[in-house]
PDB file of N, CA and C in Angstrom:
ATOM      1  N   UNK A   1     -39.968 164.330  14.892  1.00  0.00           N
ATOM      2  CA  UNK A   1     -39.143 164.730  16.009  1.00  0.00           C
ATOM      3  C   UNK A   1     -39.267 166.242  16.218  1.00  0.00           C
ATOM      4  N   UNK A   2     -39.544 166.659  17.426  1.00  0.00           N
ATOM      5  CA  UNK A   2     -39.672 168.071  17.745  1.00  0.00           C
ATOM      6  C   UNK A   2     -38.297 168.615  18.114  1.00  0.00           C
ATOM      7  N   UNK A   3     -37.917 169.710  17.479  1.00  0.00           N
ATOM      8  CA  UNK A   3     -36.639 170.364  17.785  1.00  0.00           C
ATOM      9  C   UNK A   3     -36.889 171.518  18.743  1.00  0.00           C
ATOM     10  N   UNK A   4     -35.835 172.238  19.028  1.00  0.00           N
ATOM     11  CA  UNK A   4     -35.899 173.303  20.019  1.00  0.00           C
ATOM     12  C   UNK A   4     -35.471 174.633  19.405  1.00  0.00           C
ATOM     13  N   UNK A   5     -36.088 175.730  19.867  1.00  0.00           N
ATOM     14  CA  UNK A   5     -35.701 177.074  19.461  1.00  0.00           C
ATOM     15  C   UNK A   5     -35.489 177.880  20.736  1.00  0.00           C
ATOM     16  N   UNK A   6     -34.301 178.438  20.864  1.00  0.00           N
ATOM     17  CA  UNK A   6     -33.905 179.141  22.079  1.00  0.00           C
ATOM     18  C   UNK A   6     -34.113 180.652  21.915  1.00  0.00           C
ATOM     19  N   UNK A   7     -34.607 181.279  23.000  1.00  0.00           N
ATOM     20  CA  UNK A   7     -34.786 182.730  23.038  1.00  0.00           C
ATOM     21  C   UNK A   7     -34.174 183.278  24.321  1.00  0.00           C
ATOM     22  N   UNK A   8     -33.629 184.456  24.240  1.00  0.00           N
ATOM     23  CA  UNK A   8     -33.142 185.171  25.418  1.00  0.00           C
ATOM     24  C   UNK A   8     -34.331 185.430  26.343  1.00  0.00           C
ATOM     25  N   UNK A   9     -34.092 185.386  27.646  1.00  0.00           N
ATOM     26  CA  UNK A   9     -35.156 185.600  28.626  1.00  0.00           C
ATOM     27  C   UNK A   9     -35.869 186.930  28.495  1.00  0.00           C
ATOM     28  N   UNK A  10     -35.214 187.927  27.906  1.00  0.00           N
ATOM     29  CA  UNK A  10     -35.854 189.242  27.767  1.00  0.00           C
ATOM     30  C   UNK A  10     -37.041 189.208  26.805  1.00  0.00           C
ATOM     31  N   UNK A  11     -37.185 188.139  26.032  1.00  0.00           N
ATOM     32  CA  UNK A  11     -38.299 188.031  25.087  1.00  0.00           C
ATOM     33  C   UNK A  11     -39.502 187.280  25.655  1.00  0.00           C
ATOM     34  N   UNK A  12     -39.425 186.862  26.915  1.00  0.00           N
ATOM     35  CA  UNK A  12     -40.491 186.026  27.472  1.00  0.00           C
ATOM     36  C   UNK A  12     -41.857 186.718  27.407  1.00  0.00           C
ATOM     37  N   UNK A  13     -41.935 187.954  27.843  1.00  0.00           N
ATOM     38  CA  UNK A  13     -43.223 188.662  27.856  1.00  0.00           C
ATOM     39  C   UNK A  13     -43.795 188.786  26.436  1.00  0.00           C
ATOM     40  N   UNK A  14     -42.943 189.133  25.469  1.00  0.00           N
ATOM     41  CA  UNK A  14     -43.407 189.275  24.082  1.00  0.00           C
ATOM     42  C   UNK A  14     -43.865 187.929  23.516  1.00  0.00           C
ATOM     43  N   UNK A  15     -43.176 186.852  23.869  1.00  0.00           N
ATOM     44  CA  UNK A  15     -43.591 185.519  23.410  1.00  0.00           C
ATOM     45  C   UNK A  15     -44.923 185.118  24.025  1.00  0.00           C
ATOM     46  N   UNK A  16     -45.030 185.256  25.350  1.00  0.00           N
ATOM     47  CA  UNK A  16     -46.248 184.827  26.039  1.00  0.00           C
ATOM     48  C   UNK A  16     -47.469 185.648  25.639  1.00  0.00           C
ATOM     49  N   UNK A  17     -47.267 186.921  25.331  1.00  0.00           N
ATOM     50  CA  UNK A  17     -48.389 187.783  24.950  1.00  0.00           C
ATOM     51  C   UNK A  17     -48.810 187.569  23.502  1.00  0.00           C
ATOM     52  N   UNK A  18     -47.952 186.903  22.714  1.00  0.00           N
ATOM     53  CA  UNK A  18     -48.251 186.741  21.288  1.00  0.00           C
ATOM     54  C   UNK A  18     -47.783 187.905  20.445  1.00  0.00           C
ATOM     55  N   UNK A  19     -47.150 188.907  21.079  1.00  0.00           N
ATOM     56  CA  UNK A  19     -46.650 190.070  20.338  1.00  0.00           C
ATOM     57  C   UNK A  19     -45.476 189.670  19.442  1.00  0.00           C
ATOM     58  N   UNK A  20     -44.676 188.713  19.872  1.00  0.00           N
ATOM     59  CA  UNK A  20     -43.549 188.226  19.081  1.00  0.00           C
ATOM     60  C   UNK A  20     -44.046 187.104  18.184  1.00  0.00           C
ATOM     61  N   UNK A  21     -44.088 187.386  16.879  1.00  0.00           N
ATOM     62  CA  UNK A  21     -44.636 186.449  15.897  1.00  0.00           C
ATOM     63  C   UNK A  21     -43.570 185.854  14.991  1.00  0.00           C
ATOM     64  N   UNK A  22     -42.381 186.459  15.013  1.00  0.00           N
ATOM     65  CA  UNK A  22     -41.282 185.990  14.173  1.00  0.00           C
ATOM     66  C   UNK A  22     -40.003 185.969  15.006  1.00  0.00           C
ATOM     67  N   UNK A  23     -39.013 185.290  14.478  1.00  0.00           N
ATOM     68  CA  UNK A  23     -37.659 185.396  14.985  1.00  0.00           C
ATOM     69  C   UNK A  23     -36.747 185.524  13.783  1.00  0.00           C
ATOM     70  N   UNK A  24     -35.746 186.362  13.921  1.00  0.00           N
ATOM     71  CA  UNK A  24     -34.796 186.580  12.835  1.00  0.00           C
ATOM     72  C   UNK A  24     -33.477 185.981  13.278  1.00  0.00           C
ATOM     73  N   UNK A  25     -32.945 185.101  12.455  1.00  0.00           N
ATOM     74  CA  UNK A  25     -31.728 184.374  12.799  1.00  0.00           C
ATOM     75  C   UNK A  25     -30.693 184.512  11.691  1.00  0.00           C
ATOM     76  N   UNK A  26     -29.423 184.517  12.105  1.00  0.00           N
ATOM     77  CA  UNK A  26     -28.328 184.443  11.141  1.00  0.00           C
ATOM     78  C   UNK A  26     -28.405 183.075  10.468  1.00  0.00           C
ATOM     79  N   UNK A  27     -27.954 183.002   9.235  1.00  0.00           N
ATOM     80  CA  UNK A  27     -28.016 181.735   8.510  1.00  0.00           C
ATOM     81  C   UNK A  27     -27.121 180.691   9.162  1.00  0.00           C
ATOM     82  N   UNK A  28     -27.634 179.497   9.255  1.00  0.00           N
ATOM     83  CA  UNK A  28     -26.892 178.354   9.775  1.00  0.00           C
ATOM     84  C   UNK A  28     -27.587 177.092   9.276  1.00  0.00           C
ATOM     85  N   UNK A  29     -27.010 175.976   9.625  1.00  0.00           N
ATOM     86  CA  UNK A  29     -27.626 174.710   9.199  1.00  0.00           C
ATOM     87  C   UNK A  29     -28.851 174.374  10.040  1.00  0.00           C
ATOM     88  N   UNK A  30     -29.118 175.154  11.085  1.00  0.00           N
ATOM     89  CA  UNK A  30     -30.239 174.814  11.964  1.00  0.00           C
ATOM     90  C   UNK A  30     -31.495 175.654  11.716  1.00  0.00           C
ATOM     91  N   UNK A  31     -31.589 176.301  10.564  1.00  0.00           N
ATOM     92  CA  UNK A  31     -32.810 177.039  10.242  1.00  0.00           C
ATOM     93  C   UNK A  31     -33.916 176.010   9.978  1.00  0.00           C
ATOM     94  N   UNK A  32     -35.025 176.096  10.717  1.00  0.00           N
ATOM     95  CA  UNK A  32     -36.090 175.095  10.525  1.00  0.00           C
ATOM     96  C   UNK A  32     -36.845 175.320   9.211  1.00  0.00           C
ATOM     97  N   UNK A  33     -37.513 174.306   8.765  1.00  0.00           N
ATOM     98  CA  UNK A  33     -38.325 174.377   7.550  1.00  0.00           C
ATOM     99  C   UNK A  33     -39.780 174.670   7.921  1.00  0.00           C
ATOM    100  N   UNK A  34     -40.530 175.273   6.992  1.00  0.00           N
ATOM    101  CA  UNK A  34     -41.970 175.449   7.245  1.00  0.00           C
ATOM    102  C   UNK A  34     -42.607 174.103   7.595  1.00  0.00           C
ATOM    103  N   UNK A  35     -43.490 174.139   8.584  1.00  0.00           N
ATOM    104  CA  UNK A  35     -44.156 172.931   9.047  1.00  0.00           C
ATOM    105  C   UNK A  35     -43.470 172.278  10.233  1.00  0.00           C
ATOM    106  N   UNK A  36     -42.222 172.662  10.496  1.00  0.00           N
ATOM    107  CA  UNK A  36     -41.488 172.085  11.627  1.00  0.00           C
ATOM    108  C   UNK A  36     -42.169 172.429  12.943  1.00  0.00           C
ATOM    109  N   UNK A  37     -42.149 171.478  13.877  1.00  0.00           N
ATOM    110  CA  UNK A  37     -42.622 171.716  15.236  1.00  0.00           C
ATOM    111  C   UNK A  37     -41.408 171.957  16.118  1.00  0.00           C
ATOM    112  N   UNK A  38     -41.460 173.017  16.939  1.00  0.00           N
ATOM    113  CA  UNK A  38     -40.334 173.396  17.778  1.00  0.00           C
ATOM    114  C   UNK A  38     -40.794 173.692  19.192  1.00  0.00           C
ATOM    115  N   UNK A  39     -40.035 173.225  20.187  1.00  0.00           N
ATOM    116  CA  UNK A  39     -40.261 173.640  21.559  1.00  0.00           C
ATOM    117  C   UNK A  39     -39.595 175.001  21.744  1.00  0.00           C
ATOM    118  N   UNK A  40     -40.278 175.927  22.384  1.00  0.00           N
ATOM    119  CA  UNK A  40     -39.760 177.266  22.627  1.00  0.00           C
ATOM    120  C   UNK A  40     -39.163 177.318  24.027  1.00  0.00           C
ATOM    121  N   UNK A  41     -37.860 177.565  24.084  1.00  0.00           N
ATOM    122  CA  UNK A  41     -37.132 177.716  25.343  1.00  0.00           C
ATOM    123  C   UNK A  41     -36.858 179.201  25.557  1.00  0.00           C
ATOM    124  N   UNK A  42     -37.136 179.684  26.754  1.00  0.00           N
ATOM    125  CA  UNK A  42     -36.897 181.097  27.048  1.00  0.00           C
ATOM    126  C   UNK A  42     -36.694 181.256  28.554  1.00  0.00           C
ATOM    127  N   UNK A  43     -35.610 181.917  28.938  1.00  0.00           N
ATOM    128  CA  UNK A  43     -35.373 182.161  30.350  1.00  0.00           C
ATOM    129  C   UNK A  43     -35.277 180.911  31.187  1.00  0.00           C
ATOM    130  N   UNK A  44     -34.753 179.824  30.616  1.00  0.00           N
ATOM    131  CA  UNK A  44     -34.598 178.584  31.362  1.00  0.00           C
ATOM    132  C   UNK A  44     -35.856 177.737  31.454  1.00  0.00           C
ATOM    133  N   UNK A  45     -36.923 178.154  30.790  1.00  0.00           N
ATOM    134  CA  UNK A  45     -38.194 177.417  30.802  1.00  0.00           C
ATOM    135  C   UNK A  45     -38.600 177.043  29.385  1.00  0.00           C
ATOM    136  N   UNK A  46     -39.441 176.043  29.273  1.00  0.00           N
ATOM    137  CA  UNK A  46     -40.031 175.671  27.981  1.00  0.00           C
ATOM    138  C   UNK A  46     -41.448 176.213  27.991  1.00  0.00           C
ATOM    139  N   UNK A  47     -41.709 177.174  27.105  1.00  0.00           N
ATOM    140  CA  UNK A  47     -42.996 177.875  27.100  1.00  0.00           C
ATOM    141  C   UNK A  47     -44.088 177.105  26.375  1.00  0.00           C
ATOM    142  N   UNK A  48     -43.693 176.255  25.433  1.00  0.00           N
ATOM    143  CA  UNK A  48     -44.685 175.507  24.669  1.00  0.00           C
ATOM    144  C   UNK A  48     -44.109 175.065  23.344  1.00  0.00           C
ATOM    145  N   UNK A  49     -45.003 174.823  22.408  1.00  0.00           N
ATOM    146  CA  UNK A  49     -44.629 174.291  21.109  1.00  0.00           C
ATOM    147  C   UNK A  49     -45.197 175.188  20.013  1.00  0.00           C
ATOM    148  N   UNK A  50     -44.366 175.471  19.003  1.00  0.00           N
ATOM    149  CA  UNK A  50     -44.807 176.279  17.865  1.00  0.00           C
ATOM    150  C   UNK A  50     -44.601 175.498  16.577  1.00  0.00           C
ATOM    151  N   UNK A  51     -45.346 175.937  15.554  1.00  0.00           N
ATOM    152  CA  UNK A  51     -45.172 175.409  14.198  1.00  0.00           C
ATOM    153  C   UNK A  51     -44.609 176.543  13.345  1.00  0.00           C
ATOM    154  N   UNK A  52     -43.585 176.229  12.565  1.00  0.00           N
ATOM    155  CA  UNK A  52     -43.012 177.213  11.652  1.00  0.00           C
ATOM    156  C   UNK A  52     -43.974 177.373  10.473  1.00  0.00           C
ATOM    157  N   UNK A  53     -44.446 178.594  10.278  1.00  0.00           N
ATOM    158  CA  UNK A  53     -45.389 178.895   9.203  1.00  0.00           C
ATOM    159  C   UNK A  53     -44.637 179.182   7.908  1.00  0.00           C
ATOM    160  N   UNK A  54     -43.554 179.967   8.019  1.00  0.00           N
ATOM    161  CA  UNK A  54     -42.793 180.309   6.822  1.00  0.00           C
ATOM    162  C   UNK A  54     -41.377 180.695   7.209  1.00  0.00           C
ATOM    163  N   UNK A  55     -40.487 180.588   6.235  1.00  0.00           N
ATOM    164  CA  UNK A  55     -39.108 181.050   6.383  1.00  0.00           C
ATOM    165  C   UNK A  55     -38.801 181.866   5.144  1.00  0.00           C
ATOM    166  N   UNK A  56     -38.378 183.108   5.366  1.00  0.00           N
ATOM    167  CA  UNK A  56     -38.068 184.037   4.277  1.00  0.00           C
ATOM    168  C   UNK A  56     -36.657 184.556   4.506  1.00  0.00           C
ATOM    169  N   UNK A  57     -35.903 184.740   3.443  1.00  0.00           N
ATOM    170  CA  UNK A  57     -34.527 185.221   3.553  1.00  0.00           C
ATOM    171  C   UNK A  57     -34.415 186.606   2.931  1.00  0.00           C
ATOM    172  N   UNK A  58     -33.624 187.466   3.575  1.00  0.00           N
ATOM    173  CA  UNK A  58     -33.375 188.793   3.008  1.00  0.00           C
ATOM    174  C   UNK A  58     -32.077 189.340   3.582  1.00  0.00           C
ATOM    175  N   UNK A  59     -31.490 190.343   2.906  1.00  0.00           N
ATOM    176  CA  UNK A  59     -30.282 190.968   3.442  1.00  0.00           C
ATOM    177  C   UNK A  59     -30.584 191.709   4.752  1.00  0.00           C
ATOM    178  N   UNK A  60     -29.651 191.648   5.658  1.00  0.00           N
ATOM    179  CA  UNK A  60     -29.753 192.295   6.963  1.00  0.00           C
ATOM    180  C   UNK A  60     -30.150 193.769   6.820  1.00  0.00           C
ATOM    181  N   UNK A  61     -29.578 194.464   5.834  1.00  0.00           N
ATOM    182  CA  UNK A  61     -29.840 195.900   5.663  1.00  0.00           C
ATOM    183  C   UNK A  61     -31.272 196.195   5.238  1.00  0.00           C
ATOM    184  N   UNK A  62     -32.020 195.192   4.793  1.00  0.00           N
ATOM    185  CA  UNK A  62     -33.387 195.416   4.318  1.00  0.00           C
ATOM    186  C   UNK A  62     -34.457 195.153   5.389  1.00  0.00           C
ATOM    187  N   UNK A  63     -34.043 194.857   6.611  1.00  0.00           N
ATOM    188  CA  UNK A  63     -35.027 194.654   7.679  1.00  0.00           C
ATOM    189  C   UNK A  63     -35.790 195.946   7.938  1.00  0.00           C
ATOM    190  N   UNK A  64     -37.061 195.824   8.331  1.00  0.00           N
ATOM    191  CA  UNK A  64     -37.951 196.982   8.432  1.00  0.00           C
ATOM    192  C   UNK A  64     -38.520 197.164   9.835  1.00  0.00           C
ATOM    193  N   UNK A  65     -39.182 198.308  10.034  1.00  0.00           N
ATOM    194  CA  UNK A  65     -39.890 198.556  11.294  1.00  0.00           C
ATOM    195  C   UNK A  65     -40.986 197.509  11.510  1.00  0.00           C
ATOM    196  N   UNK A  66     -41.652 197.093  10.425  1.00  0.00           N
ATOM    197  CA  UNK A  66     -42.710 196.078  10.543  1.00  0.00           C
ATOM    198  C   UNK A  66     -42.146 194.784  11.120  1.00  0.00           C
ATOM    199  N   UNK A  67     -40.998 194.360  10.624  1.00  0.00           N
ATOM    200  CA  UNK A  67     -40.381 193.139  11.142  1.00  0.00           C
ATOM    201  C   UNK A  67     -39.944 193.328  12.596  1.00  0.00           C
ATOM    202  N   UNK A  68     -39.478 194.527  12.921  1.00  0.00           N
ATOM    203  CA  UNK A  68     -39.106 194.815  14.312  1.00  0.00           C
ATOM    204  C   UNK A  68     -40.323 194.650  15.219  1.00  0.00           C
ATOM    205  N   UNK A  69     -41.464 195.177  14.816  1.00  0.00           N
ATOM    206  CA  UNK A  69     -42.684 195.051  15.632  1.00  0.00           C
ATOM    207  C   UNK A  69     -43.106 193.595  15.760  1.00  0.00           C
ATOM    208  N   UNK A  70     -43.001 192.829  14.667  1.00  0.00           N
ATOM    209  CA  UNK A  70     -43.354 191.407  14.722  1.00  0.00           C
ATOM    210  C   UNK A  70     -42.373 190.616  15.594  1.00  0.00           C
ATOM    211  N   UNK A  71     -41.181 191.158  15.774  1.00  0.00           N
ATOM    212  CA  UNK A  71     -40.168 190.574  16.674  1.00  0.00           C
ATOM    213  C   UNK A  71     -40.442 190.949  18.117  1.00  0.00           C
ATOM    214  N   UNK A  72     -41.416 191.850  18.326  1.00  0.00           N
ATOM    215  CA  UNK A  72     -41.727 192.294  19.673  1.00  0.00           C
ATOM    216  C   UNK A  72     -40.922 193.505  20.100  1.00  0.00           C
ATOM    217  N   UNK A  73     -40.277 194.179  19.136  1.00  0.00           N
ATOM    218  CA  UNK A  73     -39.456 195.356  19.417  1.00  0.00           C
ATOM    219  C   UNK A  73     -40.132 196.603  18.855  1.00  0.00           C
ATOM    220  N   UNK A  74     -39.627 197.765  19.236  1.00  0.00           N
ATOM    221  CA  UNK A  74     -40.324 199.002  18.866  1.00  0.00           C
ATOM    222  C   UNK A  74     -39.861 199.632  17.556  1.00  0.00           C
ATOM    223  N   UNK A  75     -38.648 199.325  17.106  1.00  0.00           N
ATOM    224  CA  UNK A  75     -38.155 199.985  15.893  1.00  0.00           C
ATOM    225  C   UNK A  75     -37.101 199.133  15.198  1.00  0.00           C
ATOM    226  N   UNK A  76     -36.843 199.488  13.946  1.00  0.00           N
ATOM    227  CA  UNK A  76     -35.795 198.831  13.170  1.00  0.00           C
ATOM    228  C   UNK A  76     -34.450 198.993  13.873  1.00  0.00           C
ATOM    229  N   UNK A  77     -34.197 200.177  14.406  1.00  0.00           N
ATOM    230  CA  UNK A  77     -32.921 200.438  15.079  1.00  0.00           C
ATOM    231  C   UNK A  77     -32.736 199.511  16.276  1.00  0.00           C
ATOM    232  N   UNK A  78     -33.795 199.307  17.056  1.00  0.00           N
ATOM    233  CA  UNK A  78     -33.726 198.394  18.199  1.00  0.00           C
ATOM    234  C   UNK A  78     -33.477 196.963  17.720  1.00  0.00           C
ATOM    235  N   UNK A  79     -34.125 196.581  16.617  1.00  0.00           N
ATOM    236  CA  UNK A  79     -33.933 195.250  16.037  1.00  0.00           C
ATOM    237  C   UNK A  79     -32.482 195.061  15.594  1.00  0.00           C
ATOM    238  N   UNK A  80     -31.923 196.058  14.904  1.00  0.00           N
ATOM    239  CA  UNK A  80     -30.540 195.979  14.426  1.00  0.00           C
ATOM    240  C   UNK A  80     -29.582 195.812  15.614  1.00  0.00           C
ATOM    241  N   UNK A  81     -29.789 196.605  16.668  1.00  0.00           N
ATOM    242  CA  UNK A  81     -28.928 196.498  17.864  1.00  0.00           C
ATOM    243  C   UNK A  81     -29.022 195.098  18.491  1.00  0.00           C
ATOM    244  N   UNK A  82     -30.246 194.585  18.614  1.00  0.00           N
ATOM    245  CA  UNK A  82     -30.444 193.262  19.220  1.00  0.00           C
ATOM    246  C   UNK A  82     -29.772 192.169  18.389  1.00  0.00           C
ATOM    247  N   UNK A  83     -29.931 192.227  17.072  1.00  0.00           N
ATOM    248  CA  UNK A  83     -29.332 191.205  16.215  1.00  0.00           C
ATOM    249  C   UNK A  83     -27.806 191.293  16.226  1.00  0.00           C
ATOM    250  N   UNK A  84     -27.272 192.503  16.219  1.00  0.00           N
ATOM    251  CA  UNK A  84     -25.810 192.684  16.264  1.00  0.00           C
ATOM    252  C   UNK A  84     -25.238 192.153  17.580  1.00  0.00           C
ATOM    253  N   UNK A  85     -26.018 192.272  18.660  1.00  0.00           N
ATOM    254  CA  UNK A  85     -25.573 191.746  19.952  1.00  0.00           C
ATOM    255  C   UNK A  85     -25.473 190.217  19.901  1.00  0.00           C
ATOM    256  N   UNK A  86     -26.485 189.573  19.292  1.00  0.00           N
ATOM    257  CA  UNK A  86     -26.499 188.113  19.187  1.00  0.00           C
ATOM    258  C   UNK A  86     -25.546 187.598  18.110  1.00  0.00           C
ATOM    259  N   UNK A  87     -25.427 188.360  17.025  1.00  0.00           N
ATOM    260  CA  UNK A  87     -24.616 187.940  15.871  1.00  0.00           C
ATOM    261  C   UNK A  87     -23.676 189.082  15.475  1.00  0.00           C
ATOM    262  N   UNK A  88     -22.571 189.284  16.193  1.00  0.00           N
ATOM    263  CA  UNK A  88     -21.689 190.429  15.933  1.00  0.00           C
ATOM    264  C   UNK A  88     -21.079 190.454  14.534  1.00  0.00           C
ATOM    265  N   UNK A  89     -21.006 189.317  13.851  1.00  0.00           N
ATOM    266  CA  UNK A  89     -20.375 189.286  12.529  1.00  0.00           C
ATOM    267  C   UNK A  89     -21.332 189.665  11.393  1.00  0.00           C
ATOM    268  N   UNK A  90     -22.596 189.975  11.696  1.00  0.00           N
ATOM    269  CA  UNK A  90     -23.529 190.375  10.636  1.00  0.00           C
ATOM    270  C   UNK A  90     -23.049 191.646   9.959  1.00  0.00           C
ATOM    271  N   UNK A  91     -23.152 191.664   8.639  1.00  0.00           N
ATOM    272  CA  UNK A  91     -22.872 192.872   7.858  1.00  0.00           C
ATOM    273  C   UNK A  91     -24.153 193.258   7.139  1.00  0.00           C
ATOM    274  N   UNK A  92     -24.164 194.436   6.533  1.00  0.00           N
ATOM    275  CA  UNK A  92     -25.355 194.882   5.806  1.00  0.00           C
ATOM    276  C   UNK A  92     -25.802 193.870   4.757  1.00  0.00           C
ATOM    277  N   UNK A  93     -24.854 193.191   4.134  1.00  0.00           N
ATOM    278  CA  UNK A  93     -25.188 192.255   3.060  1.00  0.00           C
ATOM    279  C   UNK A  93     -25.412 190.818   3.530  1.00  0.00           C
ATOM    280  N   UNK A  94     -25.247 190.556   4.824  1.00  0.00           N
ATOM    281  CA  UNK A  94     -25.499 189.205   5.339  1.00  0.00           C
ATOM    282  C   UNK A  94     -26.965 188.842   5.143  1.00  0.00           C
ATOM    283  N   UNK A  95     -27.219 187.615   4.720  1.00  0.00           N
ATOM    284  CA  UNK A  95     -28.593 187.132   4.647  1.00  0.00           C
ATOM    285  C   UNK A  95     -29.034 186.672   6.024  1.00  0.00           C
ATOM    286  N   UNK A  96     -30.267 186.986   6.363  1.00  0.00           N
ATOM    287  CA  UNK A  96     -30.863 186.509   7.605  1.00  0.00           C
ATOM    288  C   UNK A  96     -32.138 185.748   7.263  1.00  0.00           C
ATOM    289  N   UNK A  97     -32.521 184.857   8.160  1.00  0.00           N
ATOM    290  CA  UNK A  97     -33.752 184.083   7.990  1.00  0.00           C
ATOM    291  C   UNK A  97     -34.827 184.687   8.890  1.00  0.00           C
ATOM    292  N   UNK A  98     -35.970 184.987   8.300  1.00  0.00           N
ATOM    293  CA  UNK A  98     -37.122 185.495   9.051  1.00  0.00           C
ATOM    294  C   UNK A  98     -38.071 184.317   9.206  1.00  0.00           C
ATOM    295  N   UNK A  99     -38.177 183.845  10.433  1.00  0.00           N
ATOM    296  CA  UNK A  99     -38.938 182.627  10.727  1.00  0.00           C
ATOM    297  C   UNK A  99     -40.247 183.035  11.394  1.00  0.00           C
ATOM    298  N   UNK A 100     -41.353 182.823  10.695  1.00  0.00           N
ATOM    299  CA  UNK A 100     -42.693 183.117  11.241  1.00  0.00           C
ATOM    300  C   UNK A 100     -43.235 181.842  11.874  1.00  0.00           C
ATOM    301  N   UNK A 101     -43.796 181.980  13.069  1.00  0.00           N
ATOM    302  CA  UNK A 101     -44.299 180.812  13.773  1.00  0.00           C
ATOM    303  C   UNK A 101     -45.658 181.094  14.391  1.00  0.00           C
ATOM    304  N   UNK A 102     -46.377 179.995  14.690  1.00  0.00           N
ATOM    305  CA  UNK A 102     -47.656 180.094  15.388  1.00  0.00           C
ATOM    306  C   UNK A 102     -47.647 179.079  16.527  1.00  0.00           C
ATOM    307  N   UNK A 103     -48.307 179.452  17.597  1.00  0.00           N
ATOM    308  CA  UNK A 103     -48.371 178.557  18.753  1.00  0.00           C
ATOM    309  C   UNK A 103     -49.269 177.363  18.467  1.00  0.00           C
ATOM    310  N   UNK A 104     -48.799 176.181  18.823  1.00  0.00           N
ATOM    311  CA  UNK A 104     -49.585 174.955  18.757  1.00  0.00           C
ATOM    312  C   UNK A 104     -50.160 174.685  20.142  1.00  0.00           C
ATOM    313  N   UNK A 105     -49.301 174.845  21.155  1.00  0.00           N
ATOM    314  CA  UNK A 105     -49.752 174.727  22.545  1.00  0.00           C
ATOM    315  C   UNK A 105     -48.776 175.470  23.441  1.00  0.00           C
ATOM    316  N   UNK A 106     -49.328 176.011  24.512  1.00  0.00           N
ATOM    317  CA  UNK A 106     -48.514 176.702  25.516  1.00  0.00           C
ATOM    318  C   UNK A 106     -48.620 175.925  26.816  1.00  0.00           C
ATOM    319  N   UNK A 107     -47.515 175.858  27.514  1.00  0.00           N
ATOM    320  CA  UNK A 107     -47.504 175.168  28.790  1.00  0.00           C
ATOM    321  C   UNK A 107     -47.785 176.178  29.896  1.00  0.00           C
ATOM    322  N   UNK A 108     -48.774 175.891  30.709  1.00  0.00           N
ATOM    323  CA  UNK A 108     -49.143 176.782  31.799  1.00  0.00           C
ATOM    324  C   UNK A 108     -49.222 175.974  33.088  1.00  0.00           C
ATOM    325  N   UNK A 109     -48.249 176.140  33.950  1.00  0.00           N
ATOM    326  CA  UNK A 109     -47.105 177.037  33.844  1.00  0.00           C
ATOM    327  C   UNK A 109     -46.048 176.455  32.901  1.00  0.00           C
ATOM    328  N   UNK A 110     -45.077 177.294  32.472  1.00  0.00           N
ATOM    329  CA  UNK A 110     -43.981 176.785  31.645  1.00  0.00           C
ATOM    330  C   UNK A 110     -43.252 175.646  32.349  1.00  0.00           C
ATOM    331  N   UNK A 111     -42.670 174.753  31.554  1.00  0.00           N
ATOM    332  CA  UNK A 111     -41.981 173.579  32.088  1.00  0.00           C
ATOM    333  C   UNK A 111     -40.478 173.831  32.195  1.00  0.00           C
ATOM    334  N   UNK A 112     -39.831 173.088  33.066  1.00  0.00           N
ATOM    335  CA  UNK A 112     -38.361 173.080  33.062  1.00  0.00           C
ATOM    336  C   UNK A 112     -37.952 172.148  31.921  1.00  0.00           C
ATOM    337  N   UNK A 113     -36.750 172.324  31.376  1.00  0.00           N
ATOM    338  CA  UNK A 113     -36.313 171.418  30.298  1.00  0.00           C
ATOM    339  C   UNK A 113     -36.351 169.949  30.723  1.00  0.00           C
ATOM    340  N   UNK A 114     -36.105 169.676  31.998  1.00  0.00           N
ATOM    341  CA  UNK A 114     -36.125 168.283  32.483  1.00  0.00           C
ATOM    342  C   UNK A 114     -37.525 167.690  32.432  1.00  0.00           C
ATOM    343  N   UNK A 115     -38.535 168.519  32.599  1.00  0.00           N
ATOM    344  CA  UNK A 115     -39.924 168.023  32.585  1.00  0.00           C
ATOM    345  C   UNK A 115     -40.365 167.584  31.188  1.00  0.00           C
ATOM    346  N   UNK A 116     -39.659 168.017  30.149  1.00  0.00           N
ATOM    347  CA  UNK A 116     -39.999 167.600  28.785  1.00  0.00           C
ATOM    348  C   UNK A 116     -39.670 166.141  28.542  1.00  0.00           C
ATOM    349  N   UNK A 117     -38.629 165.671  29.197  1.00  0.00           N
ATOM    350  CA  UNK A 117     -38.131 164.301  28.942  1.00  0.00           C
ATOM    351  C   UNK A 117     -39.089 163.243  29.376  1.00  0.00           C
TER     352      UNK A 117
END
């Protein structure tokens, strides 16, 4: 069964260009496992399907500029601001999941969610 991974529309260009290679998420029961297939939703469209390559956990305070660049952002500070906006309850000691993914297929043009059914 293919699950879904949602992204804010502001990440569409980074996703489509391949610049965004990871996503960092607050811990929850919906963290996918390596090998999982996920439909990528962004800006109201389904961009395609990715495979989770790896999932790594680390404290929020240990995120780096390298991870920010892999997220499609320019700096650690920008990454911290973006994550705090999505997850206001994150603290320095909160664990986050770093989910690395690779494209399996891209839809050109992107599909509406209804077209997936």
